[in-house]
Amino acid sequence: NTCDNNMKLSTVIIFSLVCLSIVSTASSRMVGGISEEFPIDDKATKVAMTVQGDVEMATNHHYEVYEPVSYARQLVAGTNYFIKIHVGNEEYIHVRAYQTLQGNISLNNQQTGRKRTDPISYF
């Protein structure tokens, strides 16, 4: 019957779409993928403050203002933190810092000349 076949096909399509939605949501939380952007918390603030001196050396600039505002993270053998930091006026920098499983923190990279509205992405 054509009606039964259409109903089965519709059910399969809906089920497939639900599965794809679940997989795409879960993939942002999987090891290796970068998370969505979160408001800053104590743990990410600690990471940002730990690498401030290294950031200033790498950018050859002393920041009078250095206020972490948001972050994303990537789970690897440890955690990469991607942190958006307000550095005065309308200026922001993005910092990538790595925290080992033992808790050691190091600066991996930084981007200057960023804006508040710039999304955090892998760099």
PDB file of N, CA and C in Angstrom:
ATOM      1  N   ASN A   1       0.838  -1.170   0.000  1.00  0.00           N
ATOM      2  CA  ASN A   1       0.000   0.000   0.000  1.00  0.00           C
ATOM      3  C   ASN A   1       0.889   1.241   0.000  1.00  0.00           C
ATOM      4  N   THR A   2       0.601   2.187  -0.849  1.00  0.00           N
ATOM      5  CA  THR A   2       1.384   3.405  -1.010  1.00  0.00           C
ATOM      6  C   THR A   2       1.371   4.257   0.255  1.00  0.00           C
ATOM      7  N   CYS A   3       0.215   4.308   0.904  1.00  0.00           N
ATOM      8  CA  CYS A   3       0.088   5.091   2.147  1.00  0.00           C
ATOM      9  C   CYS A   3       1.002   4.542   3.238  1.00  0.00           C
ATOM     10  N   ASP A   4       1.049   3.230   3.386  1.00  0.00           N
ATOM     11  CA  ASP A   4       1.916   2.598   4.391  1.00  0.00           C
ATOM     12  C   ASP A   4       3.386   2.847   4.073  1.00  0.00           C
ATOM     13  N   ASN A   5       3.746   2.751   2.805  1.00  0.00           N
ATOM     14  CA  ASN A   5       5.135   2.987   2.399  1.00  0.00           C
ATOM     15  C   ASN A   5       5.554   4.431   2.662  1.00  0.00           C
ATOM     16  N   ASN A   6       4.677   5.387   2.381  1.00  0.00           N
ATOM     17  CA  ASN A   6       4.976   6.802   2.652  1.00  0.00           C
ATOM     18  C   ASN A   6       5.140   7.057   4.142  1.00  0.00           C
ATOM     19  N   MET A   7       4.310   6.395   4.944  1.00  0.00           N
ATOM     20  CA  MET A   7       4.384   6.536   6.393  1.00  0.00           C
ATOM     21  C   MET A   7       5.712   5.973   6.909  1.00  0.00           C
ATOM     22  N   LYS A   8       6.118   4.816   6.417  1.00  0.00           N
ATOM     23  CA  LYS A   8       7.390   4.213   6.808  1.00  0.00           C
ATOM     24  C   LYS A   8       8.559   5.098   6.402  1.00  0.00           C
ATOM     25  N   LEU A   9       8.505   5.626   5.170  1.00  0.00           N
ATOM     26  CA  LEU A   9       9.569   6.505   4.689  1.00  0.00           C
ATOM     27  C   LEU A   9       9.658   7.771   5.539  1.00  0.00           C
ATOM     28  N   SER A  10       8.513   8.346   5.878  1.00  0.00           N
ATOM     29  CA  SER A  10       8.494   9.542   6.725  1.00  0.00           C
ATOM     30  C   SER A  10       9.089   9.250   8.098  1.00  0.00           C
ATOM     31  N   THR A  11       8.763   8.095   8.645  1.00  0.00           N
ATOM     32  CA  THR A  11       9.298   7.701   9.954  1.00  0.00           C
ATOM     33  C   THR A  11      10.810   7.540   9.896  1.00  0.00           C
ATOM     34  N   VAL A  12      11.306   6.918   8.842  1.00  0.00           N
ATOM     35  CA  VAL A  12      12.755   6.728   8.677  1.00  0.00           C
ATOM     36  C   VAL A  12      13.446   8.077   8.526  1.00  0.00           C
ATOM     37  N   ILE A  13      12.883   8.968   7.768  1.00  0.00           N
ATOM     38  CA  ILE A  13      13.488  10.300   7.564  1.00  0.00           C
ATOM     39  C   ILE A  13      13.523  11.067   8.883  1.00  0.00           C
ATOM     40  N   ILE A  14      12.442  11.075   9.614  1.00  0.00           N
ATOM     41  CA  ILE A  14      12.402  11.786  10.902  1.00  0.00           C
ATOM     42  C   ILE A  14      13.404  11.185  11.877  1.00  0.00           C
ATOM     43  N   PHE A  15      13.459   9.860  11.954  1.00  0.00           N
ATOM     44  CA  PHE A  15      14.426   9.197  12.830  1.00  0.00           C
ATOM     45  C   PHE A  15      15.858   9.566  12.445  1.00  0.00           C
ATOM     46  N   SER A  16      16.147   9.593  11.154  1.00  0.00           N
ATOM     47  CA  SER A  16      17.494   9.940  10.676  1.00  0.00           C
ATOM     48  C   SER A  16      17.865  11.375  11.056  1.00  0.00           C
ATOM     49  N   LEU A  17      16.916  12.284  10.915  1.00  0.00           N
ATOM     50  CA  LEU A  17      17.180  13.680  11.267  1.00  0.00           C
ATOM     51  C   LEU A  17      17.434  13.843  12.767  1.00  0.00           C
ATOM     52  N   VAL A  18      16.670  13.135  13.579  1.00  0.00           N
ATOM     53  CA  VAL A  18      16.881  13.176  15.030  1.00  0.00           C
ATOM     54  C   VAL A  18      18.263  12.636  15.368  1.00  0.00           C
ATOM     55  N   CYS A  19      18.656  11.532  14.761  1.00  0.00           N
ATOM     56  CA  CYS A  19      19.988  10.952  15.015  1.00  0.00           C
ATOM     57  C   CYS A  19      21.096  11.914  14.607  1.00  0.00           C
ATOM     58  N   LEU A  20      20.949  12.541  13.442  1.00  0.00           N
ATOM     59  CA  LEU A  20      21.957  13.510  13.000  1.00  0.00           C
ATOM     60  C   LEU A  20      22.062  14.683  13.962  1.00  0.00           C
ATOM     61  N   SER A  21      20.940  15.134  14.472  1.00  0.00           N
ATOM     62  CA  SER A  21      20.937  16.234  15.429  1.00  0.00           C
ATOM     63  C   SER A  21      21.674  15.849  16.704  1.00  0.00           C
ATOM     64  N   ILE A  22      21.444  14.647  17.190  1.00  0.00           N
ATOM     65  CA  ILE A  22      22.111  14.173  18.408  1.00  0.00           C
ATOM     66  C   ILE A  22      23.612  14.061  18.178  1.00  0.00           C
ATOM     67  N   VAL A  23      24.017  13.504  17.044  1.00  0.00           N
ATOM     68  CA  VAL A  23      25.437  13.334  16.730  1.00  0.00           C
ATOM     69  C   VAL A  23      26.113  14.686  16.595  1.00  0.00           C
ATOM     70  N   SER A  24      25.491  15.653  15.925  1.00  0.00           N
ATOM     71  CA  SER A  24      26.140  16.953  15.750  1.00  0.00           C
ATOM     72  C   SER A  24      26.256  17.695  17.069  1.00  0.00           C
ATOM     73  N   THR A  25      25.282  17.558  17.965  1.00  0.00           N
ATOM     74  CA  THR A  25      25.360  18.178  19.288  1.00  0.00           C
ATOM     75  C   THR A  25      26.457  17.530  20.115  1.00  0.00           C
ATOM     76  N   ALA A  26      26.535  16.229  20.087  1.00  0.00           N
ATOM     77  CA  ALA A  26      27.548  15.508  20.866  1.00  0.00           C
ATOM     78  C   ALA A  26      28.946  15.774  20.342  1.00  0.00           C
ATOM     79  N   SER A  27      29.096  15.989  19.034  1.00  0.00           N
ATOM     80  CA  SER A  27      30.436  16.160  18.474  1.00  0.00           C
ATOM     81  C   SER A  27      31.124  17.408  18.999  1.00  0.00           C
ATOM     82  N   SER A  28      30.357  18.424  19.403  1.00  0.00           N
ATOM     83  CA  SER A  28      30.983  19.626  19.949  1.00  0.00           C
ATOM     84  C   SER A  28      31.563  19.370  21.330  1.00  0.00           C
ATOM     85  N   ARG A  29      31.178  18.257  21.969  1.00  0.00           N
ATOM     86  CA  ARG A  29      31.669  17.938  23.297  1.00  0.00           C
ATOM     87  C   ARG A  29      32.686  16.796  23.277  1.00  0.00           C
ATOM     88  N   MET A  30      32.956  16.251  22.107  1.00  0.00           N
ATOM     89  CA  MET A  30      33.863  15.120  22.011  1.00  0.00           C
ATOM     90  C   MET A  30      35.306  15.580  22.177  1.00  0.00           C
ATOM     91  N   VAL A  31      36.153  14.651  22.577  1.00  0.00           N
ATOM     92  CA  VAL A  31      37.583  14.932  22.670  1.00  0.00           C
ATOM     93  C   VAL A  31      38.060  15.389  21.311  1.00  0.00           C
ATOM     94  N   GLY A  32      38.824  16.481  21.286  1.00  0.00           N
ATOM     95  CA  GLY A  32      39.369  17.008  20.038  1.00  0.00           C
ATOM     96  C   GLY A  32      38.576  18.153  19.460  1.00  0.00           C
ATOM     97  N   GLY A  33      37.279  18.255  19.757  1.00  0.00           N
ATOM     98  CA  GLY A  33      36.468  19.340  19.227  1.00  0.00           C
ATOM     99  C   GLY A  33      36.471  20.516  20.179  1.00  0.00           C
ATOM    100  N   ILE A  34      36.389  21.728  19.630  1.00  0.00           N
ATOM    101  CA  ILE A  34      36.345  22.929  20.474  1.00  0.00           C
ATOM    102  C   ILE A  34      34.894  23.146  20.914  1.00  0.00           C
ATOM    103  N   SER A  35      34.716  23.511  22.175  1.00  0.00           N
ATOM    104  CA  SER A  35      33.381  23.715  22.733  1.00  0.00           C
ATOM    105  C   SER A  35      32.783  25.022  22.253  1.00  0.00           C
ATOM    106  N   GLU A  36      31.528  25.238  22.633  1.00  0.00           N
ATOM    107  CA  GLU A  36      30.934  26.551  22.410  1.00  0.00           C
ATOM    108  C   GLU A  36      31.590  27.542  23.376  1.00  0.00           C
ATOM    109  N   GLU A  37      31.290  28.809  23.203  1.00  0.00           N
ATOM    110  CA  GLU A  37      31.858  29.863  24.059  1.00  0.00           C
ATOM    111  C   GLU A  37      31.041  29.970  25.343  1.00  0.00           C
ATOM    112  N   PHE A  38      31.749  30.007  26.473  1.00  0.00           N
ATOM    113  CA  PHE A  38      31.121  30.113  27.790  1.00  0.00           C
ATOM    114  C   PHE A  38      31.501  31.438  28.448  1.00  0.00           C
ATOM    115  N   PRO A  39      30.660  31.976  29.339  1.00  0.00           N
ATOM    116  CA  PRO A  39      31.090  33.113  30.162  1.00  0.00           C
ATOM    117  C   PRO A  39      32.282  32.663  31.014  1.00  0.00           C
ATOM    118  N   ILE A  40      33.134  33.591  31.329  1.00  0.00           N
ATOM    119  CA  ILE A  40      34.342  33.260  32.097  1.00  0.00           C
ATOM    120  C   ILE A  40      33.973  32.670  33.455  1.00  0.00           C
ATOM    121  N   ASP A  41      34.772  31.730  33.922  1.00  0.00           N
ATOM    122  CA  ASP A  41      34.590  31.154  35.249  1.00  0.00           C
ATOM    123  C   ASP A  41      35.935  31.170  35.976  1.00  0.00           C
ATOM    124  N   ASP A  42      35.947  30.701  37.209  1.00  0.00           N
ATOM    125  CA  ASP A  42      37.169  30.759  38.023  1.00  0.00           C
ATOM    126  C   ASP A  42      38.319  29.969  37.413  1.00  0.00           C
ATOM    127  N   LYS A  43      38.026  28.796  36.872  1.00  0.00           N
ATOM    128  CA  LYS A  43      39.080  27.946  36.315  1.00  0.00           C
ATOM    129  C   LYS A  43      39.739  28.611  35.102  1.00  0.00           C
ATOM    130  N   ALA A  44      38.930  29.134  34.188  1.00  0.00           N
ATOM    131  CA  ALA A  44      39.477  29.794  32.993  1.00  0.00           C
ATOM    132  C   ALA A  44      40.175  31.105  33.359  1.00  0.00           C
ATOM    133  N   THR A  45      39.669  31.808  34.365  1.00  0.00           N
ATOM    134  CA  THR A  45      40.334  33.027  34.834  1.00  0.00           C
ATOM    135  C   THR A  45      41.723  32.695  35.356  1.00  0.00           C
ATOM    136  N   LYS A  46      41.833  31.627  36.129  1.00  0.00           N
ATOM    137  CA  LYS A  46      43.137  31.205  36.650  1.00  0.00           C
ATOM    138  C   LYS A  46      44.115  30.925  35.509  1.00  0.00           C
ATOM    139  N   VAL A  47      43.643  30.250  34.474  1.00  0.00           N
ATOM    140  CA  VAL A  47      44.493  29.950  33.323  1.00  0.00           C
ATOM    141  C   VAL A  47      44.959  31.253  32.670  1.00  0.00           C
ATOM    142  N   ALA A  48      44.017  32.173  32.425  1.00  0.00           N
ATOM    143  CA  ALA A  48      44.353  33.451  31.782  1.00  0.00           C
ATOM    144  C   ALA A  48      45.359  34.247  32.606  1.00  0.00           C
ATOM    145  N   MET A  49      45.161  34.295  33.909  1.00  0.00           N
ATOM    146  CA  MET A  49      46.050  35.073  34.763  1.00  0.00           C
ATOM    147  C   MET A  49      47.444  34.425  34.853  1.00  0.00           C
ATOM    148  N   THR A  50      47.486  33.104  34.788  1.00  0.00           N
ATOM    149  CA  THR A  50      48.762  32.398  34.852  1.00  0.00           C
ATOM    150  C   THR A  50      49.643  32.739  33.651  1.00  0.00           C
ATOM    151  N   VAL A  51      49.048  32.923  32.482  1.00  0.00           N
ATOM    152  CA  VAL A  51      49.855  33.187  31.275  1.00  0.00           C
ATOM    153  C   VAL A  51      49.977  34.669  30.933  1.00  0.00           C
ATOM    154  N   GLN A  52      49.463  35.561  31.777  1.00  0.00           N
ATOM    155  CA  GLN A  52      49.498  36.996  31.460  1.00  0.00           C
ATOM    156  C   GLN A  52      50.915  37.483  31.156  1.00  0.00           C
ATOM    157  N   GLY A  53      51.877  37.129  31.969  1.00  0.00           N
ATOM    158  CA  GLY A  53      53.260  37.560  31.727  1.00  0.00           C
ATOM    159  C   GLY A  53      53.785  37.061  30.397  1.00  0.00           C
ATOM    160  N   ASP A  54      53.486  35.822  30.053  1.00  0.00           N
ATOM    161  CA  ASP A  54      53.917  35.265  28.766  1.00  0.00           C
ATOM    162  C   ASP A  54      53.225  35.961  27.598  1.00  0.00           C
ATOM    163  N   VAL A  55      51.950  36.302  27.774  1.00  0.00           N
ATOM    164  CA  VAL A  55      51.210  37.027  26.737  1.00  0.00           C
ATOM    165  C   VAL A  55      51.855  38.399  26.522  1.00  0.00           C
ATOM    166  N   GLU A  56      52.174  39.088  27.601  1.00  0.00           N
ATOM    167  CA  GLU A  56      52.794  40.407  27.495  1.00  0.00           C
ATOM    168  C   GLU A  56      54.166  40.322  26.834  1.00  0.00           C
ATOM    169  N   MET A  57      54.925  39.275  27.147  1.00  0.00           N
ATOM    170  CA  MET A  57      56.225  39.098  26.480  1.00  0.00           C
ATOM    171  C   MET A  57      56.037  38.798  24.996  1.00  0.00           C
ATOM    172  N   ALA A  58      55.083  37.933  24.656  1.00  0.00           N
ATOM    173  CA  ALA A  58      54.860  37.546  23.264  1.00  0.00           C
ATOM    174  C   ALA A  58      54.350  38.706  22.416  1.00  0.00           C
ATOM    175  N   THR A  59      53.546  39.583  23.015  1.00  0.00           N
ATOM    176  CA  THR A  59      52.989  40.719  22.267  1.00  0.00           C
ATOM    177  C   THR A  59      53.826  41.985  22.436  1.00  0.00           C
ATOM    178  N   ASN A  60      54.837  41.908  23.292  1.00  0.00           N
ATOM    179  CA  ASN A  60      55.696  43.058  23.590  1.00  0.00           C
ATOM    180  C   ASN A  60      54.863  44.258  24.039  1.00  0.00           C
ATOM    181  N   HIS A  61      53.921  43.983  24.944  1.00  0.00           N
ATOM    182  CA  HIS A  61      53.014  45.028  25.420  1.00  0.00           C
ATOM    183  C   HIS A  61      52.590  44.715  26.853  1.00  0.00           C
ATOM    184  N   HIS A  62      52.650  45.730  27.721  1.00  0.00           N
ATOM    185  CA  HIS A  62      52.130  45.574  29.087  1.00  0.00           C
ATOM    186  C   HIS A  62      50.681  46.055  29.087  1.00  0.00           C
ATOM    187  N   TYR A  63      49.770  45.196  29.524  1.00  0.00           N
ATOM    188  CA  TYR A  63      48.349  45.524  29.522  1.00  0.00           C
ATOM    189  C   TYR A  63      47.936  46.049  30.887  1.00  0.00           C
ATOM    190  N   GLU A  64      47.523  47.325  30.929  1.00  0.00           N
ATOM    191  CA  GLU A  64      46.989  47.912  32.160  1.00  0.00           C
ATOM    192  C   GLU A  64      45.658  47.243  32.513  1.00  0.00           C
ATOM    193  N   VAL A  65      44.893  46.902  31.484  1.00  0.00           N
ATOM    194  CA  VAL A  65      43.628  46.187  31.642  1.00  0.00           C
ATOM    195  C   VAL A  65      43.834  44.788  31.075  1.00  0.00           C
ATOM    196  N   TYR A  66      43.450  43.778  31.821  1.00  0.00           N
ATOM    197  CA  TYR A  66      43.583  42.376  31.385  1.00  0.00           C
ATOM    198  C   TYR A  66      42.461  41.603  32.068  1.00  0.00           C
ATOM    199  N   GLU A  67      41.287  41.601  31.413  1.00  0.00           N
ATOM    200  CA  GLU A  67      40.077  41.043  32.007  1.00  0.00           C
ATOM    201  C   GLU A  67      39.503  39.927  31.138  1.00  0.00           C
ATOM    202  N   PRO A  68      39.692  38.678  31.536  1.00  0.00           N
ATOM    203  CA  PRO A  68      39.083  37.581  30.788  1.00  0.00           C
ATOM    204  C   PRO A  68      37.554  37.712  30.811  1.00  0.00           C
ATOM    205  N   VAL A  69      36.903  37.498  29.648  1.00  0.00           N
ATOM    206  CA  VAL A  69      35.456  37.662  29.581  1.00  0.00           C
ATOM    207  C   VAL A  69      34.711  36.398  29.154  1.00  0.00           C
ATOM    208  N   SER A  70      35.332  35.563  28.348  1.00  0.00           N
ATOM    209  CA  SER A  70      34.682  34.326  27.919  1.00  0.00           C
ATOM    210  C   SER A  70      35.748  33.342  27.454  1.00  0.00           C
ATOM    211  N   TYR A  71      35.322  32.098  27.243  1.00  0.00           N
ATOM    212  CA  TYR A  71      36.298  31.097  26.822  1.00  0.00           C
ATOM    213  C   TYR A  71      35.599  29.920  26.147  1.00  0.00           C
ATOM    214  N   ALA A  72      36.405  29.162  25.427  1.00  0.00           N
ATOM    215  CA  ALA A  72      36.004  27.860  24.892  1.00  0.00           C
ATOM    216  C   ALA A  72      37.125  26.915  25.277  1.00  0.00           C
ATOM    217  N   ARG A  73      36.859  25.623  25.198  1.00  0.00           N
ATOM    218  CA  ARG A  73      37.923  24.681  25.548  1.00  0.00           C
ATOM    219  C   ARG A  73      37.905  23.503  24.588  1.00  0.00           C
ATOM    220  N   GLN A  74      39.049  22.853  24.542  1.00  0.00           N
ATOM    221  CA  GLN A  74      39.231  21.683  23.696  1.00  0.00           C
ATOM    222  C   GLN A  74      39.903  20.613  24.542  1.00  0.00           C
ATOM    223  N   LEU A  75      39.253  19.466  24.650  1.00  0.00           N
ATOM    224  CA  LEU A  75      39.836  18.371  25.418  1.00  0.00           C
ATOM    225  C   LEU A  75      40.785  17.589  24.531  1.00  0.00           C
ATOM    226  N   VAL A  76      42.025  17.522  24.962  1.00  0.00           N
ATOM    227  CA  VAL A  76      43.067  16.748  24.292  1.00  0.00           C
ATOM    228  C   VAL A  76      43.696  15.901  25.392  1.00  0.00           C
ATOM    229  N   ALA A  77      44.982  15.666  25.365  1.00  0.00           N
ATOM    230  CA  ALA A  77      45.656  15.019  26.503  1.00  0.00           C
ATOM    231  C   ALA A  77      45.935  16.141  27.496  1.00  0.00           C
ATOM    232  N   GLY A  78      44.873  16.658  28.106  1.00  0.00           N
ATOM    233  CA  GLY A  78      44.869  17.887  28.896  1.00  0.00           C
ATOM    234  C   GLY A  78      43.762  18.753  28.315  1.00  0.00           C
ATOM    235  N   THR A  79      43.864  20.061  28.490  1.00  0.00           N
ATOM    236  CA  THR A  79      42.833  20.971  27.980  1.00  0.00           C
ATOM    237  C   THR A  79      43.452  22.204  27.360  1.00  0.00           C
ATOM    238  N   ASN A  80      43.027  22.535  26.137  1.00  0.00           N
ATOM    239  CA  ASN A  80      43.351  23.817  25.530  1.00  0.00           C
ATOM    240  C   ASN A  80      42.241  24.784  25.910  1.00  0.00           C
ATOM    241  N   TYR A  81      42.622  25.940  26.438  1.00  0.00           N
ATOM    242  CA  TYR A  81      41.674  27.007  26.738  1.00  0.00           C
ATOM    243  C   TYR A  81      41.855  28.105  25.703  1.00  0.00           C
ATOM    244  N   PHE A  82      40.766  28.522  25.096  1.00  0.00           N
ATOM    245  CA  PHE A  82      40.737  29.640  24.159  1.00  0.00           C
ATOM    246  C   PHE A  82      39.993  30.750  24.891  1.00  0.00           C
ATOM    247  N   ILE A  83      40.713  31.801  25.287  1.00  0.00           N
ATOM    248  CA  ILE A  83      40.146  32.798  26.194  1.00  0.00           C
ATOM    249  C   ILE A  83      40.121  34.171  25.529  1.00  0.00           C
ATOM    250  N   LYS A  84      38.953  34.809  25.572  1.00  0.00           N
ATOM    251  CA  LYS A  84      38.797  36.186  25.081  1.00  0.00           C
ATOM    252  C   LYS A  84      39.071  37.108  26.251  1.00  0.00           C
ATOM    253  N   ILE A  85      40.006  38.047  26.065  1.00  0.00           N
ATOM    254  CA  ILE A  85      40.437  38.928  27.154  1.00  0.00           C
ATOM    255  C   ILE A  85      40.309  40.384  26.724  1.00  0.00           C
ATOM    256  N   HIS A  86      39.614  41.174  27.541  1.00  0.00           N
ATOM    257  CA  HIS A  86      39.501  42.621  27.304  1.00  0.00           C
ATOM    258  C   HIS A  86      40.796  43.270  27.780  1.00  0.00           C
ATOM    259  N   VAL A  87      41.415  44.060  26.904  1.00  0.00           N
ATOM    260  CA  VAL A  87      42.698  44.687  27.252  1.00  0.00           C
ATOM    261  C   VAL A  87      42.641  46.215  27.193  1.00  0.00           C
ATOM    262  N   GLY A  88      41.437  46.762  27.311  1.00  0.00           N
ATOM    263  CA  GLY A  88      41.283  48.220  27.359  1.00  0.00           C
ATOM    264  C   GLY A  88      40.570  48.757  26.141  1.00  0.00           C
ATOM    265  N   ASN A  89      39.918  49.901  26.349  1.00  0.00           N
ATOM    266  CA  ASN A  89      39.125  50.535  25.294  1.00  0.00           C
ATOM    267  C   ASN A  89      38.202  49.497  24.668  1.00  0.00           C
ATOM    268  N   GLU A  90      38.215  49.390  23.366  1.00  0.00           N
ATOM    269  CA  GLU A  90      37.397  48.384  22.666  1.00  0.00           C
ATOM    270  C   GLU A  90      38.272  47.240  22.167  1.00  0.00           C
ATOM    271  N   GLU A  91      39.443  47.057  22.772  1.00  0.00           N
ATOM    272  CA  GLU A  91      40.399  46.057  22.297  1.00  0.00           C
ATOM    273  C   GLU A  91      40.315  44.757  23.095  1.00  0.00           C
ATOM    274  N   TYR A  92      40.458  43.665  22.361  1.00  0.00           N
ATOM    275  CA  TYR A  92      40.449  42.327  22.946  1.00  0.00           C
ATOM    276  C   TYR A  92      41.582  41.522  22.334  1.00  0.00           C
ATOM    277  N   ILE A  93      42.023  40.524  23.049  1.00  0.00           N
ATOM    278  CA  ILE A  93      42.947  39.548  22.514  1.00  0.00           C
ATOM    279  C   ILE A  93      42.347  38.166  22.757  1.00  0.00           C
ATOM    280  N   HIS A  94      42.752  37.215  21.944  1.00  0.00           N
ATOM    281  CA  HIS A  94      42.381  35.822  22.175  1.00  0.00           C
ATOM    282  C   HIS A  94      43.664  35.084  22.536  1.00  0.00           C
ATOM    283  N   VAL A  95      43.591  34.272  23.559  1.00  0.00           N
ATOM    284  CA  VAL A  95      44.743  33.545  24.072  1.00  0.00           C
ATOM    285  C   VAL A  95      44.422  32.055  24.048  1.00  0.00           C
ATOM    286  N   ARG A  96      45.387  31.261  23.579  1.00  0.00           N
ATOM    287  CA  ARG A  96      45.252  29.802  23.693  1.00  0.00           C
ATOM    288  C   ARG A  96      46.299  29.317  24.679  1.00  0.00           C
ATOM    289  N   ALA A  97      45.841  28.733  25.760  1.00  0.00           N
ATOM    290  CA  ALA A  97      46.730  28.204  26.796  1.00  0.00           C
ATOM    291  C   ALA A  97      46.409  26.735  26.995  1.00  0.00           C
ATOM    292  N   TYR A  98      47.437  25.983  27.324  1.00  0.00           N
ATOM    293  CA  TYR A  98      47.287  24.538  27.509  1.00  0.00           C
ATOM    294  C   TYR A  98      47.492  24.189  28.969  1.00  0.00           C
ATOM    295  N   GLN A  99      46.575  23.382  29.513  1.00  0.00           N
ATOM    296  CA  GLN A  99      46.722  22.879  30.876  1.00  0.00           C
ATOM    297  C   GLN A  99      46.866  21.362  30.809  1.00  0.00           C
ATOM    298  N   THR A 100      47.996  20.870  31.328  1.00  0.00           N
ATOM    299  CA  THR A 100      48.247  19.434  31.328  1.00  0.00           C
ATOM    300  C   THR A 100      47.322  18.737  32.306  1.00  0.00           C
ATOM    301  N   LEU A 101      47.294  17.427  32.224  1.00  0.00           N
ATOM    302  CA  LEU A 101      46.502  16.645  33.175  1.00  0.00           C
ATOM    303  C   LEU A 101      47.015  16.824  34.598  1.00  0.00           C
ATOM    304  N   GLN A 102      48.303  17.177  34.741  1.00  0.00           N
ATOM    305  CA  GLN A 102      48.887  17.417  36.064  1.00  0.00           C
ATOM    306  C   GLN A 102      48.629  18.842  36.562  1.00  0.00           C
ATOM    307  N   GLY A 103      48.056  19.704  35.709  1.00  0.00           N
ATOM    308  CA  GLY A 103      47.710  21.058  36.126  1.00  0.00           C
ATOM    309  C   GLY A 103      48.674  22.143  35.693  1.00  0.00           C
ATOM    310  N   ASN A 104      49.774  21.789  35.007  1.00  0.00           N
ATOM    311  CA  ASN A 104      50.713  22.805  34.514  1.00  0.00           C
ATOM    312  C   ASN A 104      50.069  23.587  33.374  1.00  0.00           C
ATOM    313  N   ILE A 105      50.298  24.901  33.356  1.00  0.00           N
ATOM    314  CA  ILE A 105      49.665  25.782  32.373  1.00  0.00           C
ATOM    315  C   ILE A 105      50.742  26.503  31.570  1.00  0.00           C
ATOM    316  N   SER A 106      50.565  26.535  30.238  1.00  0.00           N
ATOM    317  CA  SER A 106      51.513  27.252  29.382  1.00  0.00           C
ATOM    318  C   SER A 106      50.772  27.948  28.244  1.00  0.00           C
ATOM    319  N   LEU A 107      51.349  29.048  27.786  1.00  0.00           N
ATOM    320  CA  LEU A 107      50.796  29.794  26.657  1.00  0.00           C
ATOM    321  C   LEU A 107      51.156  29.070  25.364  1.00  0.00           C
ATOM    322  N   ASN A 108      50.180  28.877  24.486  1.00  0.00           N
ATOM    323  CA  ASN A 108      50.448  28.271  23.184  1.00  0.00           C
ATOM    324  C   ASN A 108      50.412  29.278  22.051  1.00  0.00           C
ATOM    325  N   ASN A 109      49.497  30.254  22.132  1.00  0.00           N
ATOM    326  CA  ASN A 109      49.340  31.203  21.030  1.00  0.00           C
ATOM    327  C   ASN A 109      48.477  32.362  21.506  1.00  0.00           C
ATOM    328  N   GLN A 110      48.488  33.449  20.758  1.00  0.00           N
ATOM    329  CA  GLN A 110      47.646  34.598  21.056  1.00  0.00           C
ATOM    330  C   GLN A 110      47.329  35.329  19.767  1.00  0.00           C
ATOM    331  N   GLN A 111      46.207  36.021  19.761  1.00  0.00           N
ATOM    332  CA  GLN A 111      45.785  36.849  18.639  1.00  0.00           C
ATOM    333  C   GLN A 111      45.455  38.232  19.179  1.00  0.00           C
ATOM    334  N   THR A 112      46.046  39.258  18.608  1.00  0.00           N
ATOM    335  CA  THR A 112      45.756  40.632  19.016  1.00  0.00           C
ATOM    336  C   THR A 112      44.807  41.259  17.993  1.00  0.00           C
ATOM    337  N   GLY A 113      44.331  42.461  18.327  1.00  0.00           N
ATOM    338  CA  GLY A 113      43.466  43.181  17.400  1.00  0.00           C
ATOM    339  C   GLY A 113      42.085  42.571  17.242  1.00  0.00           C
ATOM    340  N   ARG A 114      41.594  41.908  18.265  1.00  0.00           N
ATOM    341  CA  ARG A 114      40.277  41.285  18.212  1.00  0.00           C
ATOM    342  C   ARG A 114      39.227  42.248  18.768  1.00  0.00           C
ATOM    343  N   LYS A 115      37.952  41.970  18.472  1.00  0.00           N
ATOM    344  CA  LYS A 115      36.834  42.779  18.959  1.00  0.00           C
ATOM    345  C   LYS A 115      35.978  41.933  19.886  1.00  0.00           C
ATOM    346  N   ARG A 116      35.145  42.582  20.678  1.00  0.00           N
ATOM    347  CA  ARG A 116      34.235  41.889  21.600  1.00  0.00           C
ATOM    348  C   ARG A 116      33.341  40.905  20.855  1.00  0.00           C
ATOM    349  N   THR A 117      32.935  41.280  19.664  1.00  0.00           N
ATOM    350  CA  THR A 117      32.003  40.448  18.895  1.00  0.00           C
ATOM    351  C   THR A 117      32.680  39.325  18.110  1.00  0.00           C
ATOM    352  N   ASP A 118      33.996  39.290  18.078  1.00  0.00           N
ATOM    353  CA  ASP A 118      34.697  38.216  17.361  1.00  0.00           C
ATOM    354  C   ASP A 118      34.493  36.895  18.086  1.00  0.00           C
ATOM    355  N   PRO A 119      34.010  35.893  17.377  1.00  0.00           N
ATOM    356  CA  PRO A 119      33.812  34.600  18.040  1.00  0.00           C
ATOM    357  C   PRO A 119      35.157  33.921  18.330  1.00  0.00           C
ATOM    358  N   ILE A 120      35.172  33.116  19.341  1.00  0.00           N
ATOM    359  CA  ILE A 120      36.373  32.330  19.638  1.00  0.00           C
ATOM    360  C   ILE A 120      36.353  31.112  18.708  1.00  0.00           C
ATOM    361  N   SER A 121      37.472  30.890  18.044  1.00  0.00           N
ATOM    362  CA  SER A 121      37.597  29.711  17.192  1.00  0.00           C
ATOM    363  C   SER A 121      39.021  29.170  17.337  1.00  0.00           C
ATOM    364  N   TYR A 122      39.271  28.003  16.798  1.00  0.00           N
ATOM    365  CA  TYR A 122      40.596  27.404  16.914  1.00  0.00           C
ATOM    366  C   TYR A 122      41.630  28.262  16.197  1.00  0.00           C
ATOM    367  N   PHE A 123      42.759  28.481  16.817  1.00  0.00           N
ATOM    368  CA  PHE A 123      43.880  29.171  16.175  1.00  0.00           C
ATOM    369  C   PHE A 123      45.173  28.606  16.700  1.00  0.00           C
TER     370      PHE A 123
END
